[in-house]
Amino acid sequence: MFSSQVLDSCHFDDHLKKADLVITGEGKLDAQTLMGKAPFGVAQRAKKRGVPVLALGGAVDPSAVSSLNKYLDAVFSITQAAVELEQAKPKAREWLQVTTEQVLRCLRYLPRGEFRS
């Protein structure tokens, strides 16, 4: 699996030893995500260590959320408006920043260790 090779090359498991939370993502979170794409590989390894995983995507397929949530503790779309892909691309960095900030603002209210899978 390609994601395993990438995770091994960056010593991901060593980094997990120090992690309380993992945030991952990809362009679209859908059924294909669970077929070996990076967020799935990240989630599998994090789950083995009991580290919760959040995923951010440019889009999230609502029909795949229940399947995604078997591996990812929560999934979020960064899209801030209903727009076509070509219109969204220039906004991706800004939307990722806004969504990440909002997710982290929520997490800061949880007692340490509360967000465990």
C-alpha atoms as a PDB file:
ATOM      1  CA  MET A   1       0.000   0.000   0.000  1.00  0.00           C
ATOM      2  CA  PHE A   2       1.473   3.342  -1.051  1.00  0.00           C
ATOM      3  CA  SER A   3       0.377   5.186   2.100  1.00  0.00           C
ATOM      4  CA  SER A   4       2.332   2.696   4.232  1.00  0.00           C
ATOM      5  CA  GLN A   5       5.497   3.424   2.284  1.00  0.00           C
ATOM      6  CA  VAL A   6       5.028   7.164   2.696  1.00  0.00           C
ATOM      7  CA  LEU A   7       4.252   6.864   6.414  1.00  0.00           C
ATOM      8  CA  ASP A   8       7.262   4.605   6.949  1.00  0.00           C
ATOM      9  CA  SER A   9       9.561   6.995   5.072  1.00  0.00           C
ATOM     10  CA  CYS A  10       8.642   9.875   7.399  1.00  0.00           C
ATOM     11  CA  HIS A  11       8.804   7.720  10.574  1.00  0.00           C
ATOM     12  CA  PHE A  12       5.138   8.367  11.260  1.00  0.00           C
ATOM     13  CA  ASP A  13       4.911   5.785  14.050  1.00  0.00           C
ATOM     14  CA  ASP A  14       7.694   7.547  15.969  1.00  0.00           C
ATOM     15  CA  HIS A  15       5.762  10.811  15.740  1.00  0.00           C
ATOM     16  CA  LEU A  16       2.580   9.082  16.911  1.00  0.00           C
ATOM     17  CA  LYS A  17       4.246   8.177  20.201  1.00  0.00           C
ATOM     18  CA  LYS A  18       4.125  11.860  21.137  1.00  0.00           C
ATOM     19  CA  ALA A  19       0.712  12.678  19.641  1.00  0.00           C
ATOM     20  CA  ASP A  20      -2.522  13.397  21.471  1.00  0.00           C
ATOM     21  CA  LEU A  21      -4.398  14.036  18.226  1.00  0.00           C
ATOM     22  CA  VAL A  22      -3.779  13.598  14.506  1.00  0.00           C
ATOM     23  CA  ILE A  23      -5.255  15.859  11.847  1.00  0.00           C
ATOM     24  CA  THR A  24      -5.110  14.569   8.279  1.00  0.00           C
ATOM     25  CA  GLY A  25      -6.908  15.342   5.073  1.00  0.00           C
ATOM     26  CA  GLU A  26      -7.297  15.134   1.342  1.00  0.00           C
ATOM     27  CA  GLY A  27      -9.173  16.803  -1.484  1.00  0.00           C
ATOM     28  CA  LYS A  28     -12.324  14.714  -1.110  1.00  0.00           C
ATOM     29  CA  LEU A  29     -13.207  12.377   1.733  1.00  0.00           C
ATOM     30  CA  ASP A  30     -15.303   9.584   0.258  1.00  0.00           C
ATOM     31  CA  ALA A  31     -15.465   5.805  -0.142  1.00  0.00           C
ATOM     32  CA  GLN A  32     -12.166   5.854  -2.057  1.00  0.00           C
ATOM     33  CA  THR A  33     -10.477   7.270   1.044  1.00  0.00           C
ATOM     34  CA  LEU A  34     -10.899   3.849   2.670  1.00  0.00           C
ATOM     35  CA  MET A  35      -9.155   2.093  -0.219  1.00  0.00           C
ATOM     36  CA  GLY A  36      -5.642   2.887   0.943  1.00  0.00           C
ATOM     37  CA  LYS A  37      -5.400   6.650   0.545  1.00  0.00           C
ATOM     38  CA  ALA A  38      -3.247   8.578   3.013  1.00  0.00           C
ATOM     39  CA  PRO A  39      -5.957   9.505   5.566  1.00  0.00           C
ATOM     40  CA  PHE A  40      -6.925   5.839   5.864  1.00  0.00           C
ATOM     41  CA  GLY A  41      -3.321   4.756   6.442  1.00  0.00           C
ATOM     42  CA  VAL A  42      -2.877   7.524   9.000  1.00  0.00           C
ATOM     43  CA  ALA A  43      -6.091   6.522  10.791  1.00  0.00           C
ATOM     44  CA  GLN A  44      -5.199   2.837  10.925  1.00  0.00           C
ATOM     45  CA  ARG A  45      -1.851   3.514  12.550  1.00  0.00           C
ATOM     46  CA  ALA A  46      -3.217   6.120  14.946  1.00  0.00           C
ATOM     47  CA  LYS A  47      -6.052   3.826  16.048  1.00  0.00           C
ATOM     48  CA  LYS A  48      -3.536   1.123  16.985  1.00  0.00           C
ATOM     49  CA  ARG A  49      -2.069   3.599  19.475  1.00  0.00           C
ATOM     50  CA  GLY A  50      -5.413   5.002  20.641  1.00  0.00           C
ATOM     51  CA  VAL A  51      -4.765   8.423  19.103  1.00  0.00           C
ATOM     52  CA  PRO A  52      -7.892  10.147  17.775  1.00  0.00           C
ATOM     53  CA  VAL A  53      -7.934  11.283  14.147  1.00  0.00           C
ATOM     54  CA  LEU A  54      -9.723  14.220  12.554  1.00  0.00           C
ATOM     55  CA  ALA A  55      -9.880  14.577   8.790  1.00  0.00           C
ATOM     56  CA  LEU A  56     -10.389  17.729   6.759  1.00  0.00           C
ATOM     57  CA  GLY A  57     -11.404  17.543   3.130  1.00  0.00           C
ATOM     58  CA  GLY A  58     -12.179  19.964   0.365  1.00  0.00           C
ATOM     59  CA  ALA A  59     -15.416  18.010   0.177  1.00  0.00           C
ATOM     60  CA  VAL A  60     -17.001  15.206   2.177  1.00  0.00           C
ATOM     61  CA  ASP A  61     -19.333  12.705   0.534  1.00  0.00           C
ATOM     62  CA  PRO A  62     -22.287  12.483   2.943  1.00  0.00           C
ATOM     63  CA  SER A  63     -23.022   8.912   1.840  1.00  0.00           C
ATOM     64  CA  ALA A  64     -19.548   7.852   3.033  1.00  0.00           C
ATOM     65  CA  VAL A  65     -19.534   9.527   6.452  1.00  0.00           C
ATOM     66  CA  SER A  66     -20.681   6.496   8.449  1.00  0.00           C
ATOM     67  CA  SER A  67     -17.995   4.351   6.807  1.00  0.00           C
ATOM     68  CA  LEU A  68     -15.358   7.049   7.287  1.00  0.00           C
ATOM     69  CA  ASN A  69     -16.292   7.383  10.957  1.00  0.00           C
ATOM     70  CA  LYS A  70     -15.336   3.756  11.558  1.00  0.00           C
ATOM     71  CA  TYR A  71     -11.712   4.902  11.156  1.00  0.00           C
ATOM     72  CA  LEU A  72     -11.772   8.697  11.501  1.00  0.00           C
ATOM     73  CA  ASP A  73     -13.199  10.182  14.688  1.00  0.00           C
ATOM     74  CA  ALA A  74     -14.611  13.160  12.829  1.00  0.00           C
ATOM     75  CA  VAL A  75     -14.618  14.487   9.276  1.00  0.00           C
ATOM     76  CA  PHE A  76     -15.013  18.088   8.203  1.00  0.00           C
ATOM     77  CA  SER A  77     -15.446  19.781   4.854  1.00  0.00           C
ATOM     78  CA  ILE A  78     -13.458  22.981   4.498  1.00  0.00           C
ATOM     79  CA  THR A  79     -15.764  24.310   1.775  1.00  0.00           C
ATOM     80  CA  GLN A  80     -17.330  27.548   2.963  1.00  0.00           C
ATOM     81  CA  ALA A  81     -19.800  28.008   0.097  1.00  0.00           C
ATOM     82  CA  ALA A  82     -21.519  26.012  -2.612  1.00  0.00           C
ATOM     83  CA  VAL A  83     -19.159  26.569  -5.522  1.00  0.00           C
ATOM     84  CA  GLU A  84     -17.695  24.625  -8.416  1.00  0.00           C
ATOM     85  CA  LEU A  85     -14.259  23.068  -8.009  1.00  0.00           C
ATOM     86  CA  GLU A  86     -12.539  25.678 -10.177  1.00  0.00           C
ATOM     87  CA  GLN A  87     -13.993  28.471  -8.031  1.00  0.00           C
ATOM     88  CA  ALA A  88     -13.017  26.666  -4.810  1.00  0.00           C
ATOM     89  CA  LYS A  89      -9.359  26.037  -5.685  1.00  0.00           C
ATOM     90  CA  PRO A  90      -8.173  29.632  -5.161  1.00  0.00           C
ATOM     91  CA  LYS A  91      -9.955  29.699  -1.796  1.00  0.00           C
ATOM     92  CA  ALA A  92      -8.638  26.337  -0.519  1.00  0.00           C
ATOM     93  CA  ARG A  93      -5.806  27.721   1.636  1.00  0.00           C
ATOM     94  CA  GLU A  94      -8.059  30.299   3.287  1.00  0.00           C
ATOM     95  CA  TRP A  95     -10.873  27.807   3.864  1.00  0.00           C
ATOM     96  CA  LEU A  96      -8.479  25.230   5.293  1.00  0.00           C
ATOM     97  CA  GLN A  97      -7.143  27.806   7.730  1.00  0.00           C
ATOM     98  CA  VAL A  98     -10.629  28.921   8.797  1.00  0.00           C
ATOM     99  CA  THR A  99     -11.922  25.376   9.290  1.00  0.00           C
ATOM    100  CA  THR A 100      -8.813  24.211  11.150  1.00  0.00           C
ATOM    101  CA  GLU A 101      -9.001  27.187  13.476  1.00  0.00           C
ATOM    102  CA  GLN A 102     -12.665  26.529  14.220  1.00  0.00           C
ATOM    103  CA  VAL A 103     -12.050  22.836  14.926  1.00  0.00           C
ATOM    104  CA  LEU A 104      -9.166  23.667  17.257  1.00  0.00           C
ATOM    105  CA  ARG A 105     -11.249  26.303  19.033  1.00  0.00           C
ATOM    106  CA  CYS A 106     -13.779  23.580  19.876  1.00  0.00           C
ATOM    107  CA  LEU A 107     -11.119  21.159  21.064  1.00  0.00           C
ATOM    108  CA  ARG A 108      -9.577  23.605  23.503  1.00  0.00           C
ATOM    109  CA  TYR A 109     -12.696  23.363  25.655  1.00  0.00           C
ATOM    110  CA  LEU A 110     -12.283  19.645  26.215  1.00  0.00           C
ATOM    111  CA  PRO A 111     -10.332  18.437  29.230  1.00  0.00           C
ATOM    112  CA  ARG A 112      -6.979  16.929  28.236  1.00  0.00           C
ATOM    113  CA  GLY A 113      -7.489  13.368  27.013  1.00  0.00           C
ATOM    114  CA  GLU A 114     -11.258  13.781  26.734  1.00  0.00           C
ATOM    115  CA  PHE A 115     -11.287  13.375  22.959  1.00  0.00           C
ATOM    116  CA  ARG A 116     -10.308   9.736  22.814  1.00  0.00           C
ATOM    117  CA  SER A 117     -11.649   7.142  20.446  1.00  0.00           C
END
